[in-house]
C-alpha atoms as a PDB file:
ATOM      1  CA  MET A   1     126.349 125.733 -32.603  1.00  0.00           C
ATOM      2  CA  LYS A   2     128.114 123.090 -34.225  1.00  0.00           C
ATOM      3  CA  TYR A   3     128.723 119.705 -32.209  1.00  0.00           C
ATOM      4  CA  THR A   4     131.496 117.824 -32.613  1.00  0.00           C
ATOM      5  CA  LEU A   5     132.283 114.370 -30.757  1.00  0.00           C
ATOM      6  CA  HIS A   6     135.782 114.042 -29.924  1.00  0.00           C
ATOM      7  CA  LYS A   7     137.481 110.619 -29.035  1.00  0.00           C
ATOM      8  CA  ASN A   8     140.460 111.917 -26.608  1.00  0.00           C
ATOM      9  CA  PHE A   9     141.466 114.476 -24.393  1.00  0.00           C
ATOM     10  CA  THR A  10     144.219 115.641 -26.601  1.00  0.00           C
ATOM     11  CA  GLU A  11     141.701 116.859 -29.728  1.00  0.00           C
ATOM     12  CA  ILE A  12     141.268 119.767 -27.330  1.00  0.00           C
ATOM     13  CA  ASP A  13     142.650 122.513 -25.768  1.00  0.00           C
ATOM     14  CA  SER A  14     143.753 122.457 -22.341  1.00  0.00           C
ATOM     15  CA  GLN A  15     143.920 125.668 -21.893  1.00  0.00           C
ATOM     16  CA  GLU A  16     140.809 126.515 -24.104  1.00  0.00           C
ATOM     17  CA  TRP A  17     139.020 123.551 -21.176  1.00  0.00           C
ATOM     18  CA  ASN A  18     140.487 125.349 -18.814  1.00  0.00           C
ATOM     19  CA  ASP A  19     139.112 129.065 -19.317  1.00  0.00           C
ATOM     20  CA  LEU A  20     136.077 127.819 -20.135  1.00  0.00           C
ATOM     21  CA  VAL A  21     135.530 126.084 -16.694  1.00  0.00           C
ATOM     22  CA  SER A  22     136.663 129.010 -15.015  1.00  0.00           C
ATOM     23  CA  ASN A  23     133.749 131.084 -16.425  1.00  0.00           C
ATOM     24  CA  SER A  24     130.761 128.395 -16.231  1.00  0.00           C
ATOM     25  CA  ILE A  25     128.227 126.468 -14.283  1.00  0.00           C
ATOM     26  CA  ALA A  26     130.515 124.193 -13.508  1.00  0.00           C
ATOM     27  CA  ASN A  27     133.836 126.149 -11.926  1.00  0.00           C
ATOM     28  CA  THR A  28     134.835 123.331  -9.408  1.00  0.00           C
ATOM     29  CA  PRO A  29     138.412 121.609  -9.466  1.00  0.00           C
ATOM     30  CA  PHE A  30     136.482 118.572 -10.628  1.00  0.00           C
ATOM     31  CA  SER A  31     136.070 119.509 -13.608  1.00  0.00           C
ATOM     32  CA  ARG A  32     139.736 121.391 -14.851  1.00  0.00           C
ATOM     33  CA  TYR A  33     141.280 119.557 -17.631  1.00  0.00           C
ATOM     34  CA  GLU A  34     144.020 117.958 -15.284  1.00  0.00           C
ATOM     35  CA  TYR A  35     141.565 116.206 -13.166  1.00  0.00           C
ATOM     36  CA  GLN A  36     139.007 114.940 -15.708  1.00  0.00           C
ATOM     37  CA  THR A  37     142.175 113.357 -17.825  1.00  0.00           C
ATOM     38  CA  VAL A  38     143.865 111.796 -14.525  1.00  0.00           C
ATOM     39  CA  TRP A  39     140.633 110.688 -13.302  1.00  0.00           C
ATOM     40  CA  TRP A  40     139.800 109.233 -17.225  1.00  0.00           C
ATOM     41  CA  LYS A  41     143.255 107.701 -17.307  1.00  0.00           C
ATOM     42  CA  HIS A  42     142.897 105.549 -13.855  1.00  0.00           C
ATOM     43  CA  ARG A  43     139.005 105.515 -14.664  1.00  0.00           C
ATOM     44  CA  GLY A  44     138.076 106.608 -10.970  1.00  0.00           C
ATOM     45  CA  GLY A  45     140.807 104.436  -9.444  1.00  0.00           C
ATOM     46  CA  GLY A  46     139.165 101.169 -11.372  1.00  0.00           C
ATOM     47  CA  GLU A  47     135.858 102.129 -10.487  1.00  0.00           C
ATOM     48  CA  TRP A  48     134.909 101.471 -14.257  1.00  0.00           C
ATOM     49  CA  SER A  49     137.064  98.644 -16.205  1.00  0.00           C
ATOM     50  CA  GLU A  50     134.841  98.796 -19.478  1.00  0.00           C
ATOM     51  CA  ALA A  51     134.052 102.624 -20.568  1.00  0.00           C
ATOM     52  CA  GLN A  52     134.071 104.657 -23.572  1.00  0.00           C
ATOM     53  CA  LEU A  53     134.831 108.373 -23.811  1.00  0.00           C
ATOM     54  CA  VAL A  54     132.218 110.373 -25.353  1.00  0.00           C
ATOM     55  CA  LEU A  55     133.789 114.119 -25.231  1.00  0.00           C
ATOM     56  CA  VAL A  56     131.290 116.123 -26.604  1.00  0.00           C
ATOM     57  CA  THR A  57     131.968 119.794 -27.500  1.00  0.00           C
ATOM     58  CA  ALA A  58     130.013 122.858 -29.443  1.00  0.00           C
ATOM     59  CA  ARG A  59     131.194 125.626 -31.159  1.00  0.00           C
ATOM     60  CA  GLU A  60     129.976 128.815 -32.408  1.00  0.00           C
ATOM     61  CA  ASP A  61     131.945 130.881 -34.865  1.00  0.00           C
ATOM     62  CA  GLU A  62     134.650 128.498 -33.532  1.00  0.00           C
ATOM     63  CA  LYS A  63     133.723 129.859 -30.223  1.00  0.00           C
ATOM     64  CA  LEU A  64     133.864 126.621 -27.641  1.00  0.00           C
ATOM     65  CA  ILE A  65     130.556 127.174 -26.116  1.00  0.00           C
ATOM     66  CA  GLY A  66     130.691 123.900 -24.310  1.00  0.00           C
ATOM     67  CA  ILE A  67     131.947 120.663 -23.361  1.00  0.00           C
ATOM     68  CA  ALA A  68     129.983 117.543 -22.098  1.00  0.00           C
ATOM     69  CA  PRO A  69     132.370 115.413 -20.850  1.00  0.00           C
ATOM     70  CA  LEU A  70     130.580 111.921 -21.111  1.00  0.00           C
ATOM     71  CA  PHE A  71     131.493 107.933 -21.063  1.00  0.00           C
ATOM     72  CA  LEU A  72     129.272 104.904 -22.459  1.00  0.00           C
ATOM     73  CA  ALA A  73     129.415 102.477 -19.900  1.00  0.00           C
ATOM     74  CA  GLY A  74     126.692  99.244 -18.294  1.00  0.00           C
ATOM     75  CA  TYR A  75     125.313 100.879 -15.354  1.00  0.00           C
ATOM     76  CA  ASP A  76     121.840 100.540 -13.064  1.00  0.00           C
ATOM     77  CA  ARG A  77     120.320  98.267 -15.940  1.00  0.00           C
ATOM     78  CA  GLN A  78     120.658 100.423 -18.892  1.00  0.00           C
ATOM     79  CA  SER A  79     123.979 101.388 -21.465  1.00  0.00           C
ATOM     80  CA  ALA A  80     124.123 105.348 -20.095  1.00  0.00           C
ATOM     81  CA  LEU A  81     125.957 108.016 -20.882  1.00  0.00           C
ATOM     82  CA  MET A  82     126.915 109.416 -17.643  1.00  0.00           C
ATOM     83  CA  LEU A  83     129.408 112.022 -16.869  1.00  0.00           C
ATOM     84  CA  VAL A  84     133.221 111.838 -16.318  1.00  0.00           C
ATOM     85  CA  GLY A  85     134.366 111.773 -13.148  1.00  0.00           C
ATOM     86  CA  SER A  86     131.800 109.415 -11.745  1.00  0.00           C
ATOM     87  CA  ILE A  87     130.585 108.395  -9.097  1.00  0.00           C
ATOM     88  CA  GLU A  88     132.849 107.486  -5.952  1.00  0.00           C
ATOM     89  CA  ILE A  89     135.512 110.113  -6.029  1.00  0.00           C
ATOM     90  CA  SER A  90     134.475 113.289  -7.811  1.00  0.00           C
ATOM     91  CA  ASP A  91     131.975 115.519  -5.716  1.00  0.00           C
ATOM     92  CA  TYR A  92     130.765 117.679  -7.880  1.00  0.00           C
ATOM     93  CA  LEU A  93     129.689 117.417 -11.577  1.00  0.00           C
ATOM     94  CA  ASP A  94     128.109 119.177 -14.134  1.00  0.00           C
ATOM     95  CA  LEU A  95     128.126 120.015 -18.274  1.00  0.00           C
ATOM     96  CA  ILE A  96     130.920 122.426 -19.088  1.00  0.00           C
ATOM     97  CA  VAL A  97     129.255 125.745 -20.024  1.00  0.00           C
ATOM     98  CA  ARG A  98     128.430 129.523 -19.250  1.00  0.00           C
ATOM     99  CA  LYS A  99     125.464 130.253 -18.184  1.00  0.00           C
ATOM    100  CA  ASN A 100     123.787 132.156 -20.558  1.00  0.00           C
ATOM    101  CA  ASP A 101     124.886 129.409 -23.089  1.00  0.00           C
ATOM    102  CA  HIS A 102     123.256 126.819 -21.176  1.00  0.00           C
ATOM    103  CA  ALA A 103     119.898 125.964 -22.092  1.00  0.00           C
ATOM    104  CA  ARG A 104     121.014 126.253 -26.033  1.00  0.00           C
ATOM    105  CA  PHE A 105     123.429 123.929 -25.257  1.00  0.00           C
ATOM    106  CA  VAL A 106     121.563 121.014 -23.586  1.00  0.00           C
ATOM    107  CA  SER A 107     119.050 120.800 -26.111  1.00  0.00           C
ATOM    108  CA  GLY A 108     121.776 121.162 -28.692  1.00  0.00           C
ATOM    109  CA  LEU A 109     123.293 118.234 -27.243  1.00  0.00           C
ATOM    110  CA  LEU A 110     120.498 116.254 -26.699  1.00  0.00           C
ATOM    111  CA  ASP A 111     119.917 116.515 -30.113  1.00  0.00           C
ATOM    112  CA  PHE A 112     123.214 115.420 -31.201  1.00  0.00           C
ATOM    113  CA  LEU A 113     122.908 112.525 -28.867  1.00  0.00           C
ATOM    114  CA  VAL A 114     120.137 110.963 -30.497  1.00  0.00           C
ATOM    115  CA  SER A 115     121.222 111.899 -34.297  1.00  0.00           C
ATOM    116  CA  SER A 116     122.152 109.398 -36.320  1.00  0.00           C
ATOM    117  CA  PRO A 117     125.935 111.297 -37.082  1.00  0.00           C
ATOM    118  CA  PHE A 118     126.714 110.804 -33.092  1.00  0.00           C
ATOM    119  CA  ASP A 119     125.225 106.805 -33.188  1.00  0.00           C
ATOM    120  CA  THR A 120     127.393 106.228 -36.271  1.00  0.00           C
ATOM    121  CA  ALA A 121     130.288 107.910 -35.077  1.00  0.00           C
ATOM    122  CA  LEU A 122     130.043 106.057 -31.439  1.00  0.00           C
ATOM    123  CA  GLY A 123     130.418 102.655 -33.311  1.00  0.00           C
ATOM    124  CA  GLU A 124     127.077 100.681 -33.346  1.00  0.00           C
ATOM    125  CA  PRO A 125     122.991 102.676 -34.082  1.00  0.00           C
ATOM    126  CA  ASP A 126     121.003 103.583 -30.969  1.00  0.00           C
ATOM    127  CA  ASN A 127     123.790 101.672 -28.573  1.00  0.00           C
ATOM    128  CA  TRP A 128     122.645 104.215 -25.053  1.00  0.00           C
ATOM    129  CA  SER A 129     119.696 103.746 -23.947  1.00  0.00           C
ATOM    130  CA  GLY A 130     120.151 106.792 -21.130  1.00  0.00           C
ATOM    131  CA  LEU A 131     122.140 109.281 -19.195  1.00  0.00           C
ATOM    132  CA  ASP A 132     122.862 109.014 -15.538  1.00  0.00           C
ATOM    133  CA  TRP A 133     124.200 111.603 -14.176  1.00  0.00           C
ATOM    134  CA  TYR A 134     125.939 111.937 -10.598  1.00  0.00           C
ATOM    135  CA  ASN A 135     127.003 114.457  -8.257  1.00  0.00           C
ATOM    136  CA  LEU A 136     125.002 117.745 -10.157  1.00  0.00           C
ATOM    137  CA  PRO A 137     124.857 120.458  -7.542  1.00  0.00           C
ATOM    138  CA  ASP A 138     121.413 121.360  -6.537  1.00  0.00           C
ATOM    139  CA  SER A 139     121.508 124.376  -7.697  1.00  0.00           C
ATOM    140  CA  SER A 140     123.018 123.606 -11.560  1.00  0.00           C
ATOM    141  CA  PRO A 141     120.218 124.902 -14.032  1.00  0.00           C
ATOM    142  CA  THR A 142     120.780 121.426 -15.652  1.00  0.00           C
ATOM    143  CA  LEU A 143     118.466 119.806 -13.139  1.00  0.00           C
ATOM    144  CA  ALA A 144     115.707 121.816 -14.618  1.00  0.00           C
ATOM    145  CA  ALA A 145     116.765 121.712 -17.973  1.00  0.00           C
ATOM    146  CA  LEU A 146     116.995 117.938 -18.185  1.00  0.00           C
ATOM    147  CA  LYS A 147     113.391 117.773 -16.738  1.00  0.00           C
ATOM    148  CA  ALA A 148     112.184 120.056 -19.211  1.00  0.00           C
ATOM    149  CA  GLU A 149     114.005 118.343 -22.355  1.00  0.00           C
ATOM    150  CA  SER A 150     112.716 115.051 -20.527  1.00  0.00           C
ATOM    151  CA  VAL A 151     108.815 116.024 -20.590  1.00  0.00           C
ATOM    152  CA  GLN A 152     109.200 117.580 -24.273  1.00  0.00           C
ATOM    153  CA  ARG A 153     110.758 114.468 -25.881  1.00  0.00           C
ATOM    154  CA  GLY A 154     108.527 111.788 -23.543  1.00  0.00           C
ATOM    155  CA  TRP A 155     111.414 110.368 -22.129  1.00  0.00           C
ATOM    156  CA  THR A 156     111.236 109.089 -18.006  1.00  0.00           C
ATOM    157  CA  HIS A 157     113.156 111.397 -16.214  1.00  0.00           C
ATOM    158  CA  LEU A 158     113.937 110.597 -12.353  1.00  0.00           C
ATOM    159  CA  GLU A 159     116.061 113.099  -9.800  1.00  0.00           C
ATOM    160  CA  GLU A 160     117.245 112.270  -6.726  1.00  0.00           C
ATOM    161  CA  MET A 161     118.886 113.610  -3.960  1.00  0.00           C
ATOM    162  CA  TYR A 162     122.723 112.032  -3.928  1.00  0.00           C
ATOM    163  CA  ARG A 163     124.590 112.896  -1.072  1.00  0.00           C
ATOM    164  CA  PRO A 164     124.872 116.512   1.411  1.00  0.00           C
ATOM    165  CA  THR A 165     127.754 118.612   0.649  1.00  0.00           C
ATOM    166  CA  PRO A 166     127.869 120.655   3.904  1.00  0.00           C
ATOM    167  CA  ARG A 167     129.856 123.569   4.358  1.00  0.00           C
ATOM    168  CA  ILE A 168     131.058 126.744   6.164  1.00  0.00           C
ATOM    169  CA  MET A 169     130.699 130.216   4.808  1.00  0.00           C
ATOM    170  CA  LEU A 170     133.540 132.179   5.940  1.00  0.00           C
ATOM    171  CA  ASN A 171     133.323 136.519   5.495  1.00  0.00           C
ATOM    172  CA  GLY A 172     135.454 137.698   8.302  1.00  0.00           C
ATOM    173  CA  SER A 173     137.994 136.373  11.068  1.00  0.00           C
ATOM    174  CA  PHE A 174     138.207 132.929  13.014  1.00  0.00           C
ATOM    175  CA  ASP A 175     136.904 134.726  15.597  1.00  0.00           C
ATOM    176  CA  GLU A 176     134.132 135.869  13.633  1.00  0.00           C
ATOM    177  CA  TYR A 177     133.177 132.276  12.468  1.00  0.00           C
ATOM    178  CA  LEU A 178     133.474 130.796  16.216  1.00  0.00           C
ATOM    179  CA  SER A 179     131.312 133.713  17.120  1.00  0.00           C
ATOM    180  CA  ARG A 180     128.651 131.232  14.764  1.00  0.00           C
ATOM    181  CA  VAL A 181     129.543 127.798  15.919  1.00  0.00           C
ATOM    182  CA  ASP A 182     127.236 126.627  18.549  1.00  0.00           C
ATOM    183  CA  LYS A 183     128.583 127.944  22.097  1.00  0.00           C
ATOM    184  CA  LYS A 184     129.213 124.132  23.509  1.00  0.00           C
ATOM    185  CA  GLN A 185     131.038 122.993  20.468  1.00  0.00           C
ATOM    186  CA  ARG A 186     132.811 126.574  20.083  1.00  0.00           C
ATOM    187  CA  HIS A 187     134.355 126.011  23.650  1.00  0.00           C
ATOM    188  CA  GLU A 188     135.117 122.320  22.654  1.00  0.00           C
ATOM    189  CA  ILE A 189     137.083 123.435  19.197  1.00  0.00           C
ATOM    190  CA  ARG A 190     139.020 125.728  21.378  1.00  0.00           C
ATOM    191  CA  ARG A 191     139.677 122.950  24.286  1.00  0.00           C
ATOM    192  CA  LYS A 192     140.868 120.533  22.404  1.00  0.00           C
ATOM    193  CA  VAL A 193     143.432 123.134  20.335  1.00  0.00           C
ATOM    194  CA  ARG A 194     144.633 124.428  23.940  1.00  0.00           C
ATOM    195  CA  ARG A 195     145.310 121.189  25.196  1.00  0.00           C
ATOM    196  CA  ALA A 196     146.911 119.873  22.338  1.00  0.00           C
ATOM    197  CA  GLU A 197     149.270 122.950  22.227  1.00  0.00           C
ATOM    198  CA  GLU A 198     149.642 122.793  25.695  1.00  0.00           C
ATOM    199  CA  SER A 199     150.417 119.183  26.305  1.00  0.00           C
ATOM    200  CA  GLY A 200     154.348 119.545  25.787  1.00  0.00           C
ATOM    201  CA  ARG A 201     154.451 116.759  22.954  1.00  0.00           C
ATOM    202  CA  GLY A 202     155.708 119.535  20.619  1.00  0.00           C
ATOM    203  CA  VAL A 203     151.989 119.977  18.646  1.00  0.00           C
ATOM    204  CA  ARG A 204     152.414 121.597  15.638  1.00  0.00           C
ATOM    205  CA  TRP A 205     150.881 122.158  12.077  1.00  0.00           C
ATOM    206  CA  PHE A 206     152.063 123.129   8.803  1.00  0.00           C
ATOM    207  CA  ILE A 207     151.331 123.318   4.909  1.00  0.00           C
ATOM    208  CA  SER A 208     153.194 121.208   3.324  1.00  0.00           C
ATOM    209  CA  ASP A 209     155.769 123.021   0.667  1.00  0.00           C
ATOM    210  CA  MET A 210     155.866 119.467  -1.826  1.00  0.00           C
ATOM    211  CA  LYS A 211     159.751 119.654  -2.182  1.00  0.00           C
ATOM    212  CA  ASP A 212     159.644 115.817  -2.431  1.00  0.00           C
ATOM    213  CA  VAL A 213     155.809 115.436  -4.092  1.00  0.00           C
ATOM    214  CA  GLN A 214     156.251 111.352  -4.070  1.00  0.00           C
ATOM    215  CA  ALA A 215     157.336 111.484  -0.292  1.00  0.00           C
ATOM    216  CA  GLU A 216     154.834 114.191   1.100  1.00  0.00           C
ATOM    217  CA  THR A 217     152.224 112.134  -1.044  1.00  0.00           C
ATOM    218  CA  GLU A 218     152.734 108.777   0.499  1.00  0.00           C
ATOM    219  CA  ALA A 219     152.809 110.089   4.163  1.00  0.00           C
ATOM    220  CA  PHE A 220     149.795 111.505   3.118  1.00  0.00           C
ATOM    221  CA  LEU A 221     148.127 107.951   1.979  1.00  0.00           C
ATOM    222  CA  SER A 222     149.694 106.366   5.116  1.00  0.00           C
ATOM    223  CA  LEU A 223     147.546 108.682   7.510  1.00  0.00           C
ATOM    224  CA  MET A 224     144.773 107.590   5.493  1.00  0.00           C
ATOM    225  CA  GLU A 225     145.084 104.149   5.633  1.00  0.00           C
ATOM    226  CA  HIS A 226     145.035 104.122   9.838  1.00  0.00           C
ATOM    227  CA  ASP A 227     141.234 104.006   8.824  1.00  0.00           C
ATOM    228  CA  GLU A 228     140.173 100.193   8.105  1.00  0.00           C
ATOM    229  CA  GLY A 229     137.473 102.259   6.112  1.00  0.00           C
ATOM    230  CA  LYS A 230     139.906 104.353   3.769  1.00  0.00           C
ATOM    231  CA  ALA A 231     142.301 101.394   3.952  1.00  0.00           C
ATOM    232  CA  GLU A 232     139.909  99.245   2.101  1.00  0.00           C
ATOM    233  CA  PHE A 233     139.027 101.897  -0.362  1.00  0.00           C
ATOM    234  CA  LEU A 234     142.744 102.579  -1.057  1.00  0.00           C
ATOM    235  CA  ARG A 235     143.472  99.053  -3.374  1.00  0.00           C
ATOM    236  CA  ASP A 236     146.354  99.343  -5.968  1.00  0.00           C
ATOM    237  CA  ALA A 237     144.246 101.017  -8.856  1.00  0.00           C
ATOM    238  CA  MET A 238     142.640 103.949  -6.180  1.00  0.00           C
ATOM    239  CA  ARG A 239     146.195 104.492  -4.912  1.00  0.00           C
ATOM    240  CA  GLU A 240     147.398 105.256  -8.298  1.00  0.00           C
ATOM    241  CA  GLN A 241     144.456 107.462  -8.597  1.00  0.00           C
ATOM    242  CA  MET A 242     145.277 109.492  -5.905  1.00  0.00           C
ATOM    243  CA  ARG A 243     148.880 110.240  -6.716  1.00  0.00           C
ATOM    244  CA  ALA A 244     147.672 111.244  -9.863  1.00  0.00           C
ATOM    245  CA  VAL A 245     145.197 113.359  -8.349  1.00  0.00           C
ATOM    246  CA  ILE A 246     147.642 115.211  -5.771  1.00  0.00           C
ATOM    247  CA  ARG A 247     150.229 115.239  -8.320  1.00  0.00           C
ATOM    248  CA  ALA A 248     147.931 116.959 -11.198  1.00  0.00           C
ATOM    249  CA  ALA A 249     146.899 119.414  -8.414  1.00  0.00           C
ATOM    250  CA  HIS A 250     150.217 120.551  -7.004  1.00  0.00           C
ATOM    251  CA  GLU A 251     151.444 120.817 -10.457  1.00  0.00           C
ATOM    252  CA  ASN A 252     148.660 123.026 -11.508  1.00  0.00           C
ATOM    253  CA  GLY A 253     148.933 125.393  -8.352  1.00  0.00           C
ATOM    254  CA  TRP A 254     144.924 124.431  -6.385  1.00  0.00           C
ATOM    255  CA  LEU A 255     146.702 121.680  -4.062  1.00  0.00           C
ATOM    256  CA  TRP A 256     146.756 122.043  -0.016  1.00  0.00           C
ATOM    257  CA  LEU A 257     147.826 119.812   1.662  1.00  0.00           C
ATOM    258  CA  ALA A 258     148.868 120.203   5.561  1.00  0.00           C
ATOM    259  CA  PHE A 259     149.927 117.840   8.700  1.00  0.00           C
ATOM    260  CA  LEU A 260     149.969 118.242  12.551  1.00  0.00           C
ATOM    261  CA  GLU A 261     152.902 116.687  14.144  1.00  0.00           C
ATOM    262  CA  ALA A 262     153.621 115.555  17.683  1.00  0.00           C
ATOM    263  CA  ASP A 263     156.040 113.615  19.237  1.00  0.00           C
ATOM    264  CA  GLY A 264     158.296 114.490  16.348  1.00  0.00           C
ATOM    265  CA  LYS A 265     155.747 112.317  14.421  1.00  0.00           C
ATOM    266  CA  ARG A 266     153.237 113.537  11.380  1.00  0.00           C
ATOM    267  CA  ILE A 267     149.753 112.163  13.055  1.00  0.00           C
ATOM    268  CA  ALA A 268     147.501 113.556  11.369  1.00  0.00           C
ATOM    269  CA  ALA A 269     146.573 115.468   7.314  1.00  0.00           C
ATOM    270  CA  CYS A 270     144.503 116.893   4.960  1.00  0.00           C
ATOM    271  CA  LEU A 271     144.174 117.104   2.083  1.00  0.00           C
ATOM    272  CA  ASN A 272     142.155 120.113   0.256  1.00  0.00           C
ATOM    273  CA  PHE A 273     142.089 122.373  -2.813  1.00  0.00           C
ATOM    274  CA  ASP A 274     142.840 126.155  -2.931  1.00  0.00           C
ATOM    275  CA  TYR A 275     140.396 126.530  -5.717  1.00  0.00           C
ATOM    276  CA  ASP A 276     138.411 129.820  -6.567  1.00  0.00           C
ATOM    277  CA  ASN A 277     139.190 131.652  -3.096  1.00  0.00           C
ATOM    278  CA  LYS A 278     137.624 128.823  -1.164  1.00  0.00           C
ATOM    279  CA  LEU A 279     138.834 125.145   0.174  1.00  0.00           C
ATOM    280  CA  TRP A 280     137.594 122.084  -0.520  1.00  0.00           C
ATOM    281  CA  GLY A 281     138.464 119.355   1.827  1.00  0.00           C
ATOM    282  CA  TYR A 282     138.723 116.547  -0.129  1.00  0.00           C
ATOM    283  CA  ASN A 283     140.120 113.613   2.034  1.00  0.00           C
ATOM    284  CA  ALA A 284     141.657 113.381   5.711  1.00  0.00           C
ATOM    285  CA  GLY A 285     143.954 110.534   7.699  1.00  0.00           C
ATOM    286  CA  VAL A 286     144.730 110.539  11.394  1.00  0.00           C
ATOM    287  CA  ASN A 287     146.354 108.148  13.368  1.00  0.00           C
ATOM    288  CA  ARG A 288     144.822 106.427  15.441  1.00  0.00           C
ATOM    289  CA  ASP A 289     147.653 106.208  18.244  1.00  0.00           C
ATOM    290  CA  PHE A 290     147.354 109.780  18.862  1.00  0.00           C
ATOM    291  CA  MET A 291     143.516 110.437  19.374  1.00  0.00           C
ATOM    292  CA  ASP A 292     144.135 111.847  23.103  1.00  0.00           C
ATOM    293  CA  LEU A 293     145.440 115.116  21.390  1.00  0.00           C
ATOM    294  CA  SER A 294     142.181 114.996  18.913  1.00  0.00           C
ATOM    295  CA  PRO A 295     144.054 115.704  15.973  1.00  0.00           C
ATOM    296  CA  GLY A 296     141.805 115.697  13.574  1.00  0.00           C
ATOM    297  CA  TRP A 297     139.412 118.123  15.230  1.00  0.00           C
ATOM    298  CA  VAL A 298     142.759 120.292  15.728  1.00  0.00           C
ATOM    299  CA  LEU A 299     144.415 120.769  12.274  1.00  0.00           C
ATOM    300  CA  LEU A 300     140.525 121.401  10.965  1.00  0.00           C
ATOM    301  CA  ALA A 301     140.430 124.098  13.457  1.00  0.00           C
ATOM    302  CA  TYR A 302     144.021 125.463  12.129  1.00  0.00           C
ATOM    303  CA  THR A 303     142.932 124.508   8.575  1.00  0.00           C
ATOM    304  CA  LEU A 304     139.911 126.817   9.001  1.00  0.00           C
ATOM    305  CA  GLN A 305     141.884 129.691  10.742  1.00  0.00           C
ATOM    306  CA  TRP A 306     144.177 129.484   7.889  1.00  0.00           C
ATOM    307  CA  ALA A 307     141.361 130.166   5.649  1.00  0.00           C
ATOM    308  CA  CYS A 308     140.061 133.130   7.529  1.00  0.00           C
ATOM    309  CA  GLU A 309     143.231 134.551   8.207  1.00  0.00           C
ATOM    310  CA  ASN A 310     143.477 134.480   3.721  1.00  0.00           C
ATOM    311  CA  ASN A 311     140.586 135.531   3.222  1.00  0.00           C
ATOM    312  CA  ARG A 312     139.163 132.398   1.527  1.00  0.00           C
ATOM    313  CA  SER A 313     135.075 132.564   1.457  1.00  0.00           C
ATOM    314  CA  GLU A 314     133.801 129.245   2.190  1.00  0.00           C
ATOM    315  CA  PHE A 315     135.215 125.330   3.466  1.00  0.00           C
ATOM    316  CA  ASP A 316     133.537 123.167   1.375  1.00  0.00           C
ATOM    317  CA  PHE A 317     133.081 119.620   3.075  1.00  0.00           C
ATOM    318  CA  MET A 318     131.991 118.098  -0.185  1.00  0.00           C
ATOM    319  CA  ARG A 319     129.964 114.985   0.262  1.00  0.00           C
ATOM    320  CA  GLY A 320     129.114 112.912   3.192  1.00  0.00           C
ATOM    321  CA  ASP A 321     127.403 113.504   6.254  1.00  0.00           C
ATOM    322  CA  GLU A 322     129.706 113.057   9.155  1.00  0.00           C
ATOM    323  CA  GLU A 323     128.766 114.250  13.022  1.00  0.00           C
ATOM    324  CA  TYR A 324     131.958 116.264  12.961  1.00  0.00           C
ATOM    325  CA  LYS A 325     130.747 118.880   9.998  1.00  0.00           C
ATOM    326  CA  TYR A 326     128.320 120.028  11.826  1.00  0.00           C
ATOM    327  CA  ARG A 327     130.016 120.317  14.914  1.00  0.00           C
ATOM    328  CA  PHE A 328     132.196 122.681  13.234  1.00  0.00           C
ATOM    329  CA  GLY A 329     129.346 124.534  12.083  1.00  0.00           C
ATOM    330  CA  ALA A 330     128.734 123.324   8.918  1.00  0.00           C
ATOM    331  CA  THR A 331     125.355 123.998   6.820  1.00  0.00           C
ATOM    332  CA  ASN A 332     123.678 121.551   3.917  1.00  0.00           C
ATOM    333  CA  GLN A 333     123.199 121.466   0.447  1.00  0.00           C
ATOM    334  CA  TYR A 334     123.236 118.576  -1.806  1.00  0.00           C
ATOM    335  CA  VAL A 335     124.613 117.007  -5.016  1.00  0.00           C
ATOM    336  CA  MET A 336     122.057 115.208  -7.009  1.00  0.00           C
ATOM    337  CA  ARG A 337     121.500 112.737  -9.123  1.00  0.00           C
ATOM    338  CA  VAL A 338     119.476 112.859 -12.583  1.00  0.00           C
ATOM    339  CA  LYS A 339     118.357 109.029 -14.715  1.00  0.00           C
ATOM    340  CA  VAL A 340     116.581 109.947 -18.028  1.00  0.00           C
ATOM    341  CA  THR A 341     115.795 106.875 -19.923  1.00  0.00           C
ATOM    342  CA  ARG A 342     115.052 107.594 -23.826  1.00  0.00           C
ATOM    343  CA  LYS A 343     112.095 106.429 -25.629  1.00  0.00           C
END
């Protein structure tokens, strides 16, 4: 394989990038070219004020074999190469490479990263001390590969569970899904939906047509702000990041934004990605003045019913262990952190 260092996304064809994502171990919205580029433009909503882009590709007979989307930054007492998207707003990250090419791509990548040509191209010899990769799925072969390579090279290796990622498998009708939920919680879901529908307050839900992208985006962000923690999260830089992600997802066909209305007002919203036959639950907002209608629960129930009726295979709540996720029957998988220090 021939490894190449790129300092700009425009050096890599977007279609070629996304074609590889679709066939890779990292087939998630967060690995797609459009997400990666807007994340980098806004530095994760201002999460990284000082960072140097380090994009590495590998080709074999001109065929793109793998992509390591990295950046260099000072973090946790070392100058680390991190995955583009780290840490807070990208739920799943990984190397972009087919499973059958993975082991040799990782080995060659690490050889390239410690080579003199790489250090020289980066601008300063030996100016990175390790890798610090967050949000690797617990099923990723990258975990075992980094451990094996670290042992072989005599590097320090640390692996730890970072966050749970609850999800619900959907293999049938909505009633079939509900039959797998705890009986008490199943009754509670149905009761809250029925109460909202019978309230006489014009409760309805709809998926946004995004005809006015700006207006729909602002409607969603305003509902997020009803939560004190999310209002603090939506600092100016993060607000611009969220706007860019929503626009990119819409323009590339994997945005799924829904609202719940009552009394003629939008009282809840859920921002999902409709990608690879799954719904990925990215964020949500609820107007706290309407909690008597349980708007968050009701909209989630409608969302799951839509997913069942439209043959989506899974609803992924992504990172976080909020109690409501488990009340809806979610079971845990995890994302991991791997920290490697070179010697």
